[in-house]
Amino acid sequence: MEIKEANVRAKAPNKTDKFVLATQICLRIAATATAMAAAWVIFTANQTVEVLGMSFDARYSYSPALKLFAYANAIAFGFSLMSLFFLFFARHALTATIYYFFFLHDL
């Protein structure tokens, strides 16, 4: 029995592949930046209001919902950054498997 090997040539990226890659990079940078900004704003927020001569201090750590929101934004920032690094490392070998991995990661 003979085993035949297929000649597989590396396909040159066409305009559509370059456009998809550039779009993915831009959107992932935007998602990373907005997640980082949201987490930063929540973690550093400190408000003081004065009502009837009494001063009240408000921070994110006083509310469990704001704690959850802050931590969720920090986790989203981490995953977005990780996704961006994976895209840079896999940009030369974008296959259907890698696209599927990115699709699952984006879910």
PDB file of N, CA and C in Angstrom:
ATOM      1  N   MET A   1       0.820  -1.180   0.000  1.00  0.00           N
ATOM      2  CA  MET A   1       0.000   0.000   0.000  1.00  0.00           C
ATOM      3  C   MET A   1       0.867   1.248   0.000  1.00  0.00           C
ATOM      4  N   GLU A   2       0.533   2.150  -0.855  1.00  0.00           N
ATOM      5  CA  GLU A   2       1.286   3.391  -0.940  1.00  0.00           C
ATOM      6  C   GLU A   2       0.551   4.512  -0.232  1.00  0.00           C
ATOM      7  N   ILE A   3       1.314   5.332   0.418  1.00  0.00           N
ATOM      8  CA  ILE A   3       0.745   6.525   1.039  1.00  0.00           C
ATOM      9  C   ILE A   3       1.220   7.720   0.232  1.00  0.00           C
ATOM     10  N   LYS A   4       0.247   8.429  -0.301  1.00  0.00           N
ATOM     11  CA  LYS A   4       0.598   9.593  -1.100  1.00  0.00           C
ATOM     12  C   LYS A   4       0.497  10.839  -0.239  1.00  0.00           C
ATOM     13  N   GLU A   5       1.488  11.677  -0.374  1.00  0.00           N
ATOM     14  CA  GLU A   5       1.482  12.928   0.362  1.00  0.00           C
ATOM     15  C   GLU A   5       1.006  14.039  -0.566  1.00  0.00           C
ATOM     16  N   ALA A   6       0.185  14.855  -0.035  1.00  0.00           N
ATOM     17  CA  ALA A   6      -0.336  15.970  -0.824  1.00  0.00           C
ATOM     18  C   ALA A   6       0.647  17.131  -0.766  1.00  0.00           C
ATOM     19  N   ASN A   7       0.808  17.756  -1.897  1.00  0.00           N
ATOM     20  CA  ASN A   7       1.643  18.956  -1.947  1.00  0.00           C
ATOM     21  C   ASN A   7       0.780  20.137  -1.517  1.00  0.00           C
ATOM     22  N   VAL A   8       1.087  20.654  -0.372  1.00  0.00           N
ATOM     23  CA  VAL A   8       0.320  21.780   0.145  1.00  0.00           C
ATOM     24  C   VAL A   8       1.224  22.999   0.135  1.00  0.00           C
ATOM     25  N   ARG A   9       0.818  23.973  -0.625  1.00  0.00           N
ATOM     26  CA  ARG A   9       1.586  25.208  -0.687  1.00  0.00           C
ATOM     27  C   ARG A   9       0.989  26.216   0.273  1.00  0.00           C
ATOM     28  N   ALA A  10       1.836  27.029   0.823  1.00  0.00           N
ATOM     29  CA  ALA A  10       1.349  28.100   1.692  1.00  0.00           C
ATOM     30  C   ALA A  10       0.656  29.139   0.820  1.00  0.00           C
ATOM     31  N   LYS A  11      -0.586  29.397   1.143  1.00  0.00           N
ATOM     32  CA  LYS A  11      -1.336  30.325   0.314  1.00  0.00           C
ATOM     33  C   LYS A  11      -1.012  31.744   0.735  1.00  0.00           C
ATOM     34  N   ALA A  12      -0.816  32.580  -0.234  1.00  0.00           N
ATOM     35  CA  ALA A  12      -0.515  33.983   0.042  1.00  0.00           C
ATOM     36  C   ALA A  12      -1.790  34.674   0.516  1.00  0.00           C
ATOM     37  N   PRO A  13      -1.669  35.532   1.520  1.00  0.00           N
ATOM     38  CA  PRO A  13      -2.871  36.207   2.014  1.00  0.00           C
ATOM     39  C   PRO A  13      -3.412  37.178   0.968  1.00  0.00           C
ATOM     40  N   ASN A  14      -4.708  37.111   0.768  1.00  0.00           N
ATOM     41  CA  ASN A  14      -5.316  38.035  -0.175  1.00  0.00           C
ATOM     42  C   ASN A  14      -5.864  39.241   0.578  1.00  0.00           C
ATOM     43  N   LYS A  15      -6.507  40.152  -0.138  1.00  0.00           N
ATOM     44  CA  LYS A  15      -6.985  41.385   0.479  1.00  0.00           C
ATOM     45  C   LYS A  15      -8.037  41.116   1.548  1.00  0.00           C
ATOM     46  N   THR A  16      -8.891  40.124   1.323  1.00  0.00           N
ATOM     47  CA  THR A  16      -9.942  39.820   2.297  1.00  0.00           C
ATOM     48  C   THR A  16      -9.355  39.311   3.603  1.00  0.00           C
ATOM     49  N   ASP A  17      -8.354  38.432   3.514  1.00  0.00           N
ATOM     50  CA  ASP A  17      -7.711  37.919   4.728  1.00  0.00           C
ATOM     51  C   ASP A  17      -7.029  39.038   5.509  1.00  0.00           C
ATOM     52  N   LYS A  18      -6.369  39.945   4.794  1.00  0.00           N
ATOM     53  CA  LYS A  18      -5.715  41.065   5.459  1.00  0.00           C
ATOM     54  C   LYS A  18      -6.739  41.991   6.101  1.00  0.00           C
ATOM     55  N   PHE A  19      -7.851  42.205   5.421  1.00  0.00           N
ATOM     56  CA  PHE A  19      -8.902  43.063   5.961  1.00  0.00           C
ATOM     57  C   PHE A  19      -9.521  42.443   7.211  1.00  0.00           C
ATOM     58  N   VAL A  20      -9.769  41.144   7.181  1.00  0.00           N
ATOM     59  CA  VAL A  20     -10.331  40.450   8.347  1.00  0.00           C
ATOM     60  C   VAL A  20      -9.361  40.516   9.515  1.00  0.00           C
ATOM     61  N   LEU A  21      -8.085  40.309   9.263  1.00  0.00           N
ATOM     62  CA  LEU A  21      -7.083  40.369  10.317  1.00  0.00           C
ATOM     63  C   LEU A  21      -6.990  41.780  10.904  1.00  0.00           C
ATOM     64  N   ALA A  22      -6.967  42.792  10.046  1.00  0.00           N
ATOM     65  CA  ALA A  22      -6.893  44.177  10.529  1.00  0.00           C
ATOM     66  C   ALA A  22      -8.140  44.547  11.324  1.00  0.00           C
ATOM     67  N   THR A  23      -9.298  44.093  10.868  1.00  0.00           N
ATOM     68  CA  THR A  23     -10.540  44.368  11.583  1.00  0.00           C
ATOM     69  C   THR A  23     -10.537  43.688  12.948  1.00  0.00           C
ATOM     70  N   GLN A  24     -10.095  42.451  13.006  1.00  0.00           N
ATOM     71  CA  GLN A  24     -10.027  41.744  14.286  1.00  0.00           C
ATOM     72  C   GLN A  24      -9.069  42.438  15.248  1.00  0.00           C
ATOM     73  N   ILE A  25      -7.936  42.867  14.753  1.00  0.00           N
ATOM     74  CA  ILE A  25      -6.976  43.550  15.617  1.00  0.00           C
ATOM     75  C   ILE A  25      -7.563  44.847  16.155  1.00  0.00           C
ATOM     76  N   CYS A  26      -8.181  45.642  15.283  1.00  0.00           N
ATOM     77  CA  CYS A  26      -8.763  46.922  15.718  1.00  0.00           C
ATOM     78  C   CYS A  26      -9.887  46.718  16.728  1.00  0.00           C
ATOM     79  N   LEU A  27     -10.768  45.778  16.475  1.00  0.00           N
ATOM     80  CA  LEU A  27     -11.880  45.544  17.395  1.00  0.00           C
ATOM     81  C   LEU A  27     -11.406  44.972  18.727  1.00  0.00           C
ATOM     82  N   ARG A  28     -10.390  44.117  18.701  1.00  0.00           N
ATOM     83  CA  ARG A  28      -9.878  43.570  19.955  1.00  0.00           C
ATOM     84  C   ARG A  28      -9.130  44.635  20.762  1.00  0.00           C
ATOM     85  N   ILE A  29      -8.433  45.537  20.090  1.00  0.00           N
ATOM     86  CA  ILE A  29      -7.788  46.650  20.802  1.00  0.00           C
ATOM     87  C   ILE A  29      -8.843  47.546  21.427  1.00  0.00           C
ATOM     88  N   ALA A  30      -9.925  47.823  20.693  1.00  0.00           N
ATOM     89  CA  ALA A  30     -11.005  48.656  21.239  1.00  0.00           C
ATOM     90  C   ALA A  30     -11.669  47.990  22.442  1.00  0.00           C
ATOM     91  N   ALA A  31     -11.910  46.691  22.353  1.00  0.00           N
ATOM     92  CA  ALA A  31     -12.526  45.970  23.476  1.00  0.00           C
ATOM     93  C   ALA A  31     -11.602  45.951  24.686  1.00  0.00           C
ATOM     94  N   THR A  32     -10.313  45.765  24.460  1.00  0.00           N
ATOM     95  CA  THR A  32      -9.348  45.758  25.557  1.00  0.00           C
ATOM     96  C   THR A  32      -9.279  47.130  26.227  1.00  0.00           C
ATOM     97  N   ALA A  33      -9.234  48.175  25.424  1.00  0.00           N
ATOM     98  CA  ALA A  33      -9.134  49.530  25.976  1.00  0.00           C
ATOM     99  C   ALA A  33     -10.388  49.920  26.760  1.00  0.00           C
ATOM    100  N   THR A  34     -11.559  49.590  26.243  1.00  0.00           N
ATOM    101  CA  THR A  34     -12.785  49.960  26.959  1.00  0.00           C
ATOM    102  C   THR A  34     -12.961  49.153  28.243  1.00  0.00           C
ATOM    103  N   ALA A  35     -12.582  47.889  28.226  1.00  0.00           N
ATOM    104  CA  ALA A  35     -12.676  47.087  29.455  1.00  0.00           C
ATOM    105  C   ALA A  35     -11.703  47.602  30.513  1.00  0.00           C
ATOM    106  N   MET A  36     -10.497  47.973  30.088  1.00  0.00           N
ATOM    107  CA  MET A  36      -9.531  48.521  31.030  1.00  0.00           C
ATOM    108  C   MET A  36     -10.015  49.865  31.584  1.00  0.00           C
ATOM    109  N   ALA A  37     -10.550  50.703  30.726  1.00  0.00           N
ATOM    110  CA  ALA A  37     -11.036  52.015  31.179  1.00  0.00           C
ATOM    111  C   ALA A  37     -12.204  51.868  32.153  1.00  0.00           C
ATOM    112  N   ALA A  38     -13.109  50.950  31.878  1.00  0.00           N
ATOM    113  CA  ALA A  38     -14.251  50.748  32.773  1.00  0.00           C
ATOM    114  C   ALA A  38     -13.805  50.237  34.136  1.00  0.00           C
ATOM    115  N   ALA A  39     -12.881  49.290  34.139  1.00  0.00           N
ATOM    116  CA  ALA A  39     -12.382  48.776  35.417  1.00  0.00           C
ATOM    117  C   ALA A  39     -11.633  49.864  36.180  1.00  0.00           C
ATOM    118  N   TRP A  40     -10.830  50.649  35.494  1.00  0.00           N
ATOM    119  CA  TRP A  40     -10.068  51.713  36.134  1.00  0.00           C
ATOM    120  C   TRP A  40     -10.979  52.760  36.760  1.00  0.00           C
ATOM    121  N   VAL A  41     -12.014  53.151  36.024  1.00  0.00           N
ATOM    122  CA  VAL A  41     -12.941  54.162  36.533  1.00  0.00           C
ATOM    123  C   VAL A  41     -13.658  53.663  37.782  1.00  0.00           C
ATOM    124  N   ILE A  42     -14.073  52.422  37.780  1.00  0.00           N
ATOM    125  CA  ILE A  42     -14.794  51.889  38.939  1.00  0.00           C
ATOM    126  C   ILE A  42     -13.864  51.731  40.135  1.00  0.00           C
ATOM    127  N   PHE A  43     -12.654  51.215  39.906  1.00  0.00           N
ATOM    128  CA  PHE A  43     -11.734  50.990  41.022  1.00  0.00           C
ATOM    129  C   PHE A  43     -11.249  52.303  41.654  1.00  0.00           C
ATOM    130  N   THR A  44     -11.150  53.361  40.874  1.00  0.00           N
ATOM    131  CA  THR A  44     -10.628  54.614  41.408  1.00  0.00           C
ATOM    132  C   THR A  44     -11.718  55.620  41.770  1.00  0.00           C
ATOM    133  N   ALA A  45     -12.976  55.261  41.578  1.00  0.00           N
ATOM    134  CA  ALA A  45     -14.068  56.195  41.876  1.00  0.00           C
ATOM    135  C   ALA A  45     -14.202  56.402  43.379  1.00  0.00           C
ATOM    136  N   ASN A  46     -14.331  57.664  43.756  1.00  0.00           N
ATOM    137  CA  ASN A  46     -14.522  58.022  45.153  1.00  0.00           C
ATOM    138  C   ASN A  46     -15.342  59.309  45.169  1.00  0.00           C
ATOM    139  N   GLN A  47     -16.557  59.217  45.646  1.00  0.00           N
ATOM    140  CA  GLN A  47     -17.435  60.379  45.644  1.00  0.00           C
ATOM    141  C   GLN A  47     -17.851  60.717  47.065  1.00  0.00           C
ATOM    142  N   THR A  48     -17.963  61.998  47.310  1.00  0.00           N
ATOM    143  CA  THR A  48     -18.425  62.486  48.596  1.00  0.00           C
ATOM    144  C   THR A  48     -19.554  63.477  48.341  1.00  0.00           C
ATOM    145  N   VAL A  49     -20.651  63.299  49.066  1.00  0.00           N
ATOM    146  CA  VAL A  49     -21.790  64.204  48.942  1.00  0.00           C
ATOM    147  C   VAL A  49     -22.163  64.695  50.341  1.00  0.00           C
ATOM    148  N   GLU A  50     -22.610  65.924  50.385  1.00  0.00           N
ATOM    149  CA  GLU A  50     -22.985  66.499  51.667  1.00  0.00           C
ATOM    150  C   GLU A  50     -24.489  66.733  51.682  1.00  0.00           C
ATOM    151  N   VAL A  51     -25.175  66.111  52.647  1.00  0.00           N
ATOM    152  CA  VAL A  51     -26.625  66.225  52.782  1.00  0.00           C
ATOM    153  C   VAL A  51     -26.924  66.686  54.202  1.00  0.00           C
ATOM    154  N   LEU A  52     -27.578  67.814  54.312  1.00  0.00           N
ATOM    155  CA  LEU A  52     -27.976  68.386  55.605  1.00  0.00           C
ATOM    156  C   LEU A  52     -26.786  68.516  56.565  1.00  0.00           C
ATOM    157  N   GLY A  53     -25.662  68.915  56.007  1.00  0.00           N
ATOM    158  CA  GLY A  53     -24.486  69.130  56.835  1.00  0.00           C
ATOM    159  C   GLY A  53     -23.707  67.871  57.155  1.00  0.00           C
ATOM    160  N   MET A  54     -24.176  66.699  56.704  1.00  0.00           N
ATOM    161  CA  MET A  54     -23.457  65.442  56.940  1.00  0.00           C
ATOM    162  C   MET A  54     -22.779  65.006  55.645  1.00  0.00           C
ATOM    163  N   SER A  55     -21.572  64.523  55.760  1.00  0.00           N
ATOM    164  CA  SER A  55     -20.806  64.093  54.602  1.00  0.00           C
ATOM    165  C   SER A  55     -20.913  62.572  54.453  1.00  0.00           C
ATOM    166  N   PHE A  56     -21.243  62.133  53.232  1.00  0.00           N
ATOM    167  CA  PHE A  56     -21.345  60.708  52.927  1.00  0.00           C
ATOM    168  C   PHE A  56     -20.309  60.357  51.863  1.00  0.00           C
ATOM    169  N   ASP A  57     -19.632  59.254  52.102  1.00  0.00           N
ATOM    170  CA  ASP A  57     -18.585  58.789  51.202  1.00  0.00           C
ATOM    171  C   ASP A  57     -19.099  57.566  50.446  1.00  0.00           C
ATOM    172  N   ALA A  58     -18.865  57.525  49.139  1.00  0.00           N
ATOM    173  CA  ALA A  58     -19.310  56.389  48.321  1.00  0.00           C
ATOM    174  C   ALA A  58     -18.108  55.807  47.574  1.00  0.00           C
ATOM    175  N   ARG A  59     -17.931  54.498  47.667  1.00  0.00           N
ATOM    176  CA  ARG A  59     -16.867  53.783  46.964  1.00  0.00           C
ATOM    177  C   ARG A  59     -17.447  52.509  46.368  1.00  0.00           C
ATOM    178  N   TYR A  60     -16.702  51.939  45.432  1.00  0.00           N
ATOM    179  CA  TYR A  60     -17.197  50.719  44.788  1.00  0.00           C
ATOM    180  C   TYR A  60     -17.260  49.563  45.780  1.00  0.00           C
ATOM    181  N   SER A  61     -16.424  49.572  46.778  1.00  0.00           N
ATOM    182  CA  SER A  61     -16.348  48.440  47.695  1.00  0.00           C
ATOM    183  C   SER A  61     -17.521  48.394  48.679  1.00  0.00           C
ATOM    184  N   TYR A  62     -18.349  49.409  48.685  1.00  0.00           N
ATOM    185  CA  TYR A  62     -19.500  49.420  49.588  1.00  0.00           C
ATOM    186  C   TYR A  62     -20.681  48.625  49.028  1.00  0.00           C
ATOM    187  N   SER A  63     -20.689  48.382  47.740  1.00  0.00           N
ATOM    188  CA  SER A  63     -21.810  47.692  47.103  1.00  0.00           C
ATOM    189  C   SER A  63     -21.344  46.386  46.468  1.00  0.00           C
ATOM    190  N   PRO A  64     -22.002  45.271  46.785  1.00  0.00           N
ATOM    191  CA  PRO A  64     -21.618  44.001  46.152  1.00  0.00           C
ATOM    192  C   PRO A  64     -21.816  44.021  44.634  1.00  0.00           C
ATOM    193  N   ALA A  65     -22.819  44.750  44.164  1.00  0.00           N
ATOM    194  CA  ALA A  65     -23.058  44.811  42.719  1.00  0.00           C
ATOM    195  C   ALA A  65     -21.922  45.551  42.015  1.00  0.00           C
ATOM    196  N   LEU A  66     -21.442  46.624  42.604  1.00  0.00           N
ATOM    197  CA  LEU A  66     -20.323  47.340  41.991  1.00  0.00           C
ATOM    198  C   LEU A  66     -19.026  46.552  42.089  1.00  0.00           C
ATOM    199  N   LYS A  67     -18.858  45.778  43.159  1.00  0.00           N
ATOM    200  CA  LYS A  67     -17.687  44.903  43.247  1.00  0.00           C
ATOM    201  C   LYS A  67     -17.700  43.886  42.109  1.00  0.00           C
ATOM    202  N   LEU A  68     -18.847  43.264  41.900  1.00  0.00           N
ATOM    203  CA  LEU A  68     -18.987  42.289  40.827  1.00  0.00           C
ATOM    204  C   LEU A  68     -18.713  42.931  39.473  1.00  0.00           C
ATOM    205  N   PHE A  69     -19.256  44.120  39.262  1.00  0.00           N
ATOM    206  CA  PHE A  69     -19.064  44.826  37.996  1.00  0.00           C
ATOM    207  C   PHE A  69     -17.593  45.173  37.786  1.00  0.00           C
ATOM    208  N   ALA A  70     -16.917  45.616  38.827  1.00  0.00           N
ATOM    209  CA  ALA A  70     -15.504  45.968  38.715  1.00  0.00           C
ATOM    210  C   ALA A  70     -14.658  44.734  38.403  1.00  0.00           C
ATOM    211  N   TYR A  71     -14.910  43.643  39.119  1.00  0.00           N
ATOM    212  CA  TYR A  71     -14.137  42.422  38.875  1.00  0.00           C
ATOM    213  C   TYR A  71     -14.446  41.823  37.501  1.00  0.00           C
ATOM    214  N   ALA A  72     -15.688  41.911  37.067  1.00  0.00           N
ATOM    215  CA  ALA A  72     -16.049  41.410  35.736  1.00  0.00           C
ATOM    216  C   ALA A  72     -15.336  42.213  34.653  1.00  0.00           C
ATOM    217  N   ASN A  73     -15.230  43.519  34.826  1.00  0.00           N
ATOM    218  CA  ASN A  73     -14.495  44.334  33.856  1.00  0.00           C
ATOM    219  C   ASN A  73     -13.005  44.011  33.876  1.00  0.00           C
ATOM    220  N   ALA A  74     -12.453  43.752  35.033  1.00  0.00           N
ATOM    221  CA  ALA A  74     -11.038  43.385  35.109  1.00  0.00           C
ATOM    222  C   ALA A  74     -10.791  42.037  34.421  1.00  0.00           C
ATOM    223  N   ILE A  75     -11.689  41.089  34.616  1.00  0.00           N
ATOM    224  CA  ILE A  75     -11.562  39.784  33.958  1.00  0.00           C
ATOM    225  C   ILE A  75     -11.738  39.919  32.452  1.00  0.00           C
ATOM    226  N   ALA A  76     -12.688  40.744  32.025  1.00  0.00           N
ATOM    227  CA  ALA A  76     -12.883  40.985  30.586  1.00  0.00           C
ATOM    228  C   ALA A  76     -11.646  41.622  29.972  1.00  0.00           C
ATOM    229  N   PHE A  77     -11.011  42.526  30.700  1.00  0.00           N
ATOM    230  CA  PHE A  77      -9.772  43.129  30.219  1.00  0.00           C
ATOM    231  C   PHE A  77      -8.684  42.063  30.054  1.00  0.00           C
ATOM    232  N   GLY A  78      -8.552  41.193  31.029  1.00  0.00           N
ATOM    233  CA  GLY A  78      -7.541  40.143  30.943  1.00  0.00           C
ATOM    234  C   GLY A  78      -7.769  39.200  29.773  1.00  0.00           C
ATOM    235  N   PHE A  79      -9.007  38.770  29.582  1.00  0.00           N
ATOM    236  CA  PHE A  79      -9.304  37.871  28.469  1.00  0.00           C
ATOM    237  C   PHE A  79      -9.156  38.572  27.125  1.00  0.00           C
ATOM    238  N   SER A  80      -9.507  39.843  27.042  1.00  0.00           N
ATOM    239  CA  SER A  80      -9.340  40.584  25.791  1.00  0.00           C
ATOM    240  C   SER A  80      -7.865  40.743  25.454  1.00  0.00           C
ATOM    241  N   LEU A  81      -7.056  41.019  26.458  1.00  0.00           N
ATOM    242  CA  LEU A  81      -5.620  41.145  26.235  1.00  0.00           C
ATOM    243  C   LEU A  81      -5.020  39.808  25.802  1.00  0.00           C
ATOM    244  N   MET A  82      -5.450  38.724  26.441  1.00  0.00           N
ATOM    245  CA  MET A  82      -4.977  37.397  26.076  1.00  0.00           C
ATOM    246  C   MET A  82      -5.387  37.052  24.635  1.00  0.00           C
ATOM    247  N   SER A  83      -6.600  37.412  24.272  1.00  0.00           N
ATOM    248  CA  SER A  83      -7.077  37.170  22.918  1.00  0.00           C
ATOM    249  C   SER A  83      -6.266  37.949  21.893  1.00  0.00           C
ATOM    250  N   LEU A  84      -5.905  39.170  22.245  1.00  0.00           N
ATOM    251  CA  LEU A  84      -5.091  39.990  21.342  1.00  0.00           C
ATOM    252  C   LEU A  84      -3.711  39.385  21.150  1.00  0.00           C
ATOM    253  N   PHE A  85      -3.099  38.887  22.217  1.00  0.00           N
ATOM    254  CA  PHE A  85      -1.797  38.240  22.096  1.00  0.00           C
ATOM    255  C   PHE A  85      -1.888  36.961  21.266  1.00  0.00           C
ATOM    256  N   PHE A  86      -2.938  36.164  21.472  1.00  0.00           N
ATOM    257  CA  PHE A  86      -3.111  34.954  20.666  1.00  0.00           C
ATOM    258  C   PHE A  86      -3.270  35.299  19.190  1.00  0.00           C
ATOM    259  N   LEU A  87      -3.952  36.393  18.905  1.00  0.00           N
ATOM    260  CA  LEU A  87      -4.135  36.791  17.514  1.00  0.00           C
ATOM    261  C   LEU A  87      -2.802  37.186  16.885  1.00  0.00           C
ATOM    262  N   PHE A  88      -1.949  37.884  17.627  1.00  0.00           N
ATOM    263  CA  PHE A  88      -0.645  38.259  17.086  1.00  0.00           C
ATOM    264  C   PHE A  88       0.244  37.039  16.853  1.00  0.00           C
ATOM    265  N   PHE A  89       0.175  36.049  17.742  1.00  0.00           N
ATOM    266  CA  PHE A  89       1.007  34.863  17.577  1.00  0.00           C
ATOM    267  C   PHE A  89       0.485  33.937  16.484  1.00  0.00           C
ATOM    268  N   ALA A  90      -0.814  33.949  16.240  1.00  0.00           N
ATOM    269  CA  ALA A  90      -1.406  33.024  15.270  1.00  0.00           C
ATOM    270  C   ALA A  90      -1.723  33.684  13.937  1.00  0.00           C
ATOM    271  N   ARG A  91      -1.280  34.895  13.723  1.00  0.00           N
ATOM    272  CA  ARG A  91      -1.687  35.605  12.501  1.00  0.00           C
ATOM    273  C   ARG A  91      -1.117  34.995  11.226  1.00  0.00           C
ATOM    274  N   HIS A  92      -0.021  34.273  11.324  1.00  0.00           N
ATOM    275  CA  HIS A  92       0.568  33.666  10.128  1.00  0.00           C
ATOM    276  C   HIS A  92      -0.073  32.323   9.799  1.00  0.00           C
ATOM    277  N   ALA A  93      -0.776  31.747  10.742  1.00  0.00           N
ATOM    278  CA  ALA A  93      -1.367  30.432  10.521  1.00  0.00           C
ATOM    279  C   ALA A  93      -2.845  30.443  10.888  1.00  0.00           C
ATOM    280  N   LEU A  94      -3.587  31.391  10.345  1.00  0.00           N
ATOM    281  CA  LEU A  94      -5.016  31.451  10.641  1.00  0.00           C
ATOM    282  C   LEU A  94      -5.741  30.357   9.858  1.00  0.00           C
ATOM    283  N   THR A  95      -6.165  29.345  10.583  1.00  0.00           N
ATOM    284  CA  THR A  95      -6.888  28.238   9.974  1.00  0.00           C
ATOM    285  C   THR A  95      -8.311  28.225  10.521  1.00  0.00           C
ATOM    286  N   ALA A  96      -9.084  27.309  10.032  1.00  0.00           N
ATOM    287  CA  ALA A  96     -10.466  27.195  10.506  1.00  0.00           C
ATOM    288  C   ALA A  96     -10.509  26.833  11.986  1.00  0.00           C
ATOM    289  N   THR A  97      -9.558  26.049  12.446  1.00  0.00           N
ATOM    290  CA  THR A  97      -9.509  25.673  13.865  1.00  0.00           C
ATOM    291  C   THR A  97      -9.237  26.886  14.746  1.00  0.00           C
ATOM    292  N   ILE A  98      -8.323  27.724  14.310  1.00  0.00           N
ATOM    293  CA  ILE A  98      -7.999  28.920  15.097  1.00  0.00           C
ATOM    294  C   ILE A  98      -9.162  29.897  15.078  1.00  0.00           C
ATOM    295  N   TYR A  99      -9.825  30.049  13.930  1.00  0.00           N
ATOM    296  CA  TYR A  99     -11.010  30.903  13.886  1.00  0.00           C
ATOM    297  C   TYR A  99     -12.096  30.379  14.819  1.00  0.00           C
ATOM    298  N   TYR A 100     -12.252  29.059  14.893  1.00  0.00           N
ATOM    299  CA  TYR A 100     -13.240  28.468  15.797  1.00  0.00           C
ATOM    300  C   TYR A 100     -12.858  28.721  17.252  1.00  0.00           C
ATOM    301  N   PHE A 101     -11.558  28.631  17.569  1.00  0.00           N
ATOM    302  CA  PHE A 101     -11.097  28.925  18.915  1.00  0.00           C
ATOM    303  C   PHE A 101     -11.409  30.370  19.294  1.00  0.00           C
ATOM    304  N   PHE A 102     -11.153  31.304  18.371  1.00  0.00           N
ATOM    305  CA  PHE A 102     -11.468  32.710  18.644  1.00  0.00           C
ATOM    306  C   PHE A 102     -12.969  32.915  18.811  1.00  0.00           C
ATOM    307  N   PHE A 103     -13.759  32.201  18.025  1.00  0.00           N
ATOM    308  CA  PHE A 103     -15.223  32.312  18.154  1.00  0.00           C
ATOM    309  C   PHE A 103     -15.674  31.846  19.534  1.00  0.00           C
ATOM    310  N   LEU A 104     -15.151  30.703  20.004  1.00  0.00           N
ATOM    311  CA  LEU A 104     -15.507  30.221  21.342  1.00  0.00           C
ATOM    312  C   LEU A 104     -15.002  31.168  22.427  1.00  0.00           C
ATOM    313  N   HIS A 105     -13.819  31.717  22.222  1.00  0.00           N
ATOM    314  CA  HIS A 105     -13.276  32.645  23.217  1.00  0.00           C
ATOM    315  C   HIS A 105     -14.103  33.916  23.285  1.00  0.00           C
ATOM    316  N   ASP A 106     -14.614  34.382  22.167  1.00  0.00           N
ATOM    317  CA  ASP A 106     -15.416  35.606  22.153  1.00  0.00           C
ATOM    318  C   ASP A 106     -16.802  35.404  22.755  1.00  0.00           C
ATOM    319  N   LEU A 107     -17.244  34.162  22.804  1.00  0.00           N
ATOM    320  CA  LEU A 107     -18.556  33.931  23.422  1.00  0.00           C
ATOM    321  C   LEU A 107     -18.493  34.251  24.889  1.00  0.00           C
TER     322      LEU A 107
END
